[in-house]
Amino acid sequence: MAKGRKTLSRIRLVYRRSSPLLKCVVMAAIVLSTVAILALRSSILELRSNTEQLRQEAAGLEQENQKLEKNIAELGTVQSIKRIAREKLGLVDPDSIFFDPVQ
């Protein structure tokens, strides 16, 4: 070898045709992957819809909870006791005049 010369090894690429079975396996893998991705996307959309529905339900329950907490806070007052006695038990205040219409 002479000084200053570089030896390059030659690389030879040989292309061979792949077997039809390999092509079928790769194509089946691509199709199955696509179907799996579409199924997962459908599931994700359904879960997002379900999540939004549950959030709305939770907001409604939160409002109902606040209303019930307000009722609990009012239970010990004189006005609420009179209201409950009047509405649920049919009682009237002793100082009131009660007219019972005849049907």
Protein backbone atom coordinates (compact mmCIF):
# COMPACT_ATOMS: atom_id res chain seq x y z
CA MET A 1 0.00 0.00 0.00
CA ALA A 2 1.20 3.38 -0.83
CA LYS A 3 1.35 6.11 1.66
CA GLY A 4 -1.65 8.41 1.75
CA ARG A 5 -4.04 5.98 0.12
CA LYS A 6 -7.12 4.86 1.92
CA THR A 7 -8.56 1.48 1.34
CA LEU A 8 -12.28 1.40 1.12
CA SER A 9 -14.00 -1.86 1.62
CA ARG A 10 -16.76 -2.38 -0.81
CA ILE A 11 -20.17 -3.08 0.57
CA ARG A 12 -22.45 -5.04 -1.55
CA LEU A 13 -26.19 -4.87 -0.86
CA VAL A 14 -28.29 -7.70 -2.06
CA TYR A 15 -32.04 -7.27 -2.17
CA ARG A 16 -34.13 -10.35 -1.97
CA ARG A 17 -37.80 -10.56 -2.50
CA SER A 18 -39.71 -11.22 0.69
CA SER A 19 -41.99 -14.16 0.93
CA PRO A 20 -45.73 -13.70 0.39
CA LEU A 21 -46.34 -15.10 3.87
CA LEU A 22 -44.25 -12.33 5.43
CA LYS A 23 -46.16 -9.72 3.42
CA CYS A 24 -49.47 -11.18 4.62
CA VAL A 25 -48.31 -11.19 8.25
CA VAL A 26 -47.17 -7.56 8.08
CA MET A 27 -50.41 -6.50 6.38
CA ALA A 28 -52.49 -8.35 9.00
CA ALA A 29 -50.50 -6.65 11.78
CA ILE A 30 -51.16 -3.24 10.23
CA VAL A 31 -54.88 -3.94 9.85
CA LEU A 32 -55.22 -5.27 13.41
CA SER A 33 -53.33 -2.28 14.78
CA THR A 34 -55.61 0.11 12.92
CA VAL A 35 -58.72 -1.66 14.19
CA ALA A 36 -57.36 -1.62 17.75
CA ILE A 37 -56.62 2.11 17.55
CA LEU A 38 -60.12 2.85 16.26
CA ALA A 39 -61.69 0.75 19.01
CA LEU A 40 -59.65 2.54 21.66
CA ARG A 41 -60.61 5.91 20.20
CA SER A 42 -64.27 4.94 20.38
CA SER A 43 -63.82 3.88 24.01
CA ILE A 44 -62.11 7.16 24.85
CA LEU A 45 -64.94 9.19 23.32
CA GLU A 46 -67.53 7.15 25.22
CA LEU A 47 -65.64 7.62 28.49
CA ARG A 48 -65.39 11.38 27.92
CA SER A 49 -69.14 11.54 27.39
CA ASN A 50 -69.73 9.46 30.51
CA THR A 51 -67.38 11.70 32.50
CA GLU A 52 -69.28 14.83 31.43
CA GLN A 53 -72.57 13.22 32.39
CA LEU A 54 -71.19 12.28 35.81
CA ARG A 55 -69.90 15.84 36.31
CA GLN A 56 -73.37 17.22 35.62
CA GLU A 57 -74.90 14.71 38.01
CA ALA A 58 -72.35 15.65 40.67
CA ALA A 59 -73.20 19.34 40.24
CA GLY A 60 -76.90 18.55 40.73
CA LEU A 61 -76.15 16.49 43.82
CA GLU A 62 -73.98 19.32 45.16
CA GLN A 63 -76.91 21.75 44.82
CA GLU A 64 -79.22 19.29 46.55
CA ASN A 65 -76.65 18.82 49.31
CA GLN A 66 -76.45 22.59 49.87
CA LYS A 67 -80.25 22.77 50.04
CA LEU A 68 -80.33 19.95 52.60
CA GLU A 69 -77.60 21.61 54.68
CA LYS A 70 -79.66 24.79 54.69
CA ASN A 71 -82.72 22.82 55.86
CA ILE A 72 -80.67 21.19 58.61
CA ALA A 73 -79.45 24.59 59.78
CA GLU A 74 -83.04 25.87 59.93
CA LEU A 75 -84.45 22.85 61.79
CA GLY A 76 -83.83 24.24 65.28
CA THR A 77 -85.57 27.57 64.68
CA VAL A 78 -89.05 28.35 65.98
CA GLN A 79 -90.32 29.17 62.49
CA SER A 80 -89.27 25.80 61.11
CA ILE A 81 -90.89 23.95 64.01
CA LYS A 82 -94.14 25.83 63.40
CA ARG A 83 -93.94 25.19 59.68
CA ILE A 84 -93.37 21.44 60.17
CA ALA A 85 -96.22 21.25 62.71
CA ARG A 86 -98.54 23.07 60.32
CA GLU A 87 -97.58 21.26 57.09
CA LYS A 88 -96.91 17.71 58.24
CA LEU A 89 -98.98 17.34 61.40
CA GLY A 90 -101.90 19.65 60.60
CA LEU A 91 -101.47 21.60 63.84
CA VAL A 92 -102.23 25.30 64.21
CA ASP A 93 -100.96 27.99 66.54
CA PRO A 94 -103.15 28.29 69.65
CA ASP A 95 -103.64 32.01 69.02
CA SER A 96 -104.75 31.45 65.41
CA ILE A 97 -108.30 31.14 64.16
CA PHE A 98 -108.69 28.15 61.89
CA PHE A 99 -111.42 27.91 59.30
CA ASP A 100 -112.08 24.45 57.93
CA PRO A 101 -113.99 24.74 54.66
CA VAL A 102 -116.73 22.18 54.24
CA GLN A 103 -116.46 20.18 51.09
